[in-house]
C-alpha cells in the first residue's frame, strides 16, 4: 500500500480508502442506503482493510441514517489511532428545517452527533457533502474554521462542488485567514471522466487532494454486464439499473470490452484494472472502494498491487476519452489543425 499526502497538508492517506456507505444494521428498511453489511461483516471489513495497510475510512452522517458512522466507530475500537476518519455534513435525515445544509446551527449539531456515533472526540477530515446554495459561503467557512480551532476537526474537505465553487470557497477562506479546504471528493471513473474538464485542474492548481467516489461507476465497470445485457442485475453486482452514475451505452460497452481484454492478460478482474487505472492518474490522492461482500473487498484491495503498462494505459485512455469542450479544445488546435483532427476524428 502506498501513502500520499492529502493535498498541501502533512496528512498521509492510503491510496485506497474504505468507503462505508454499505455499513448498516439493516434492522429497518429505511435505514439502508446501499447494501447491508451488518455489524460483524463491517467489523471484519474494517480490520481486513487496516491489516492491508488502509488507514483511510470514508462515511457520512446520512449513510444508513447514522448507522454507518456508528458501525465504523465500533469496528475501529482500540485501533482508532491507526485510522483517518472522513465524514460529511449536508444532507438531512430528519424533518427539522435546519437539518439541511451547512449553516452554523446545522454544522454544530451534526458534528456533535457524528462524534457521538463514531465514538471519538475528533474527526480527521470533515467534508461538506454538496454545495449549499441557501447558506452564505462565508458562514460555512467561518463555522468550519471555528470547529478546527476548537480541536474537534483536523482538516476540512468538500464534495460535489463545481470548480468555480471550489475556487470561491478557498478564496474567501484565504482572504479571511480561515482554514481552507484541503480535499475534493468527486465522482471519477473510466466511464465518467468529466472531472478532468475543470474540477481536477482546479484541484491541482489550488493544491487540493482528490478522493474518488464510485470508481467502478456504480458497479458497471466490474465487467459483469454491459448496457446490451439490459438493466437487470447480472451475478452479484449492486447496480440494477444504469442510471447513477450515468453511463453512455455504446461508450460504456467499449470501455468494458477493453477492461476485459486487459484483465484477461493479467488474470485479474476488470474491476481491479479499472481501479488501477485511477491510481495511475495524476492528482488522485485516494480511491474510495466499497463492498457488500468480503471477497469483493479482497479483490479491490489488490488493485494497489497491479501495475499497468504504458500501452495498457493508452488503450484505456483512448477508449474512454471525452470529446473536448470549449475552451479546452483551443490549445489542441495549433496553426493548420482542423477540428476533426483535434478531436481525433480524422
Foldseek 3Di string as FASTA:
>chain_A
DDWDDFFPDPDTFDQAEAEQLQDDLPPDPLLADFHYQHLVSLLVLVVVCVVLPGQHYEEECPRSNNRSLLSQLVSCVPVPVSHAYEYEAADADDPPPPCGGQALVNVVVSLVSSCVSNVHQAHAEYEYEEDDPVDPLVRNQVNVQVCCVVVRYVAYAYEHYFLVVLVVNQVVCVVVVGGHHQAYEYADFLQDHPCVQHVLVSCVVVRGAYEHPPHCQQQLQQLQDAVVVPQDDGDDRRRSGQVGVHGDRVLSVLLSVLLVVVCVVVVATSVLVRSLLVSPDPRHRHYHDYDNDPVSSVRNSCSVVDDDDPVSNVSSCVSSPDFDDPPVLVVLDDPPDDSCVSRVND
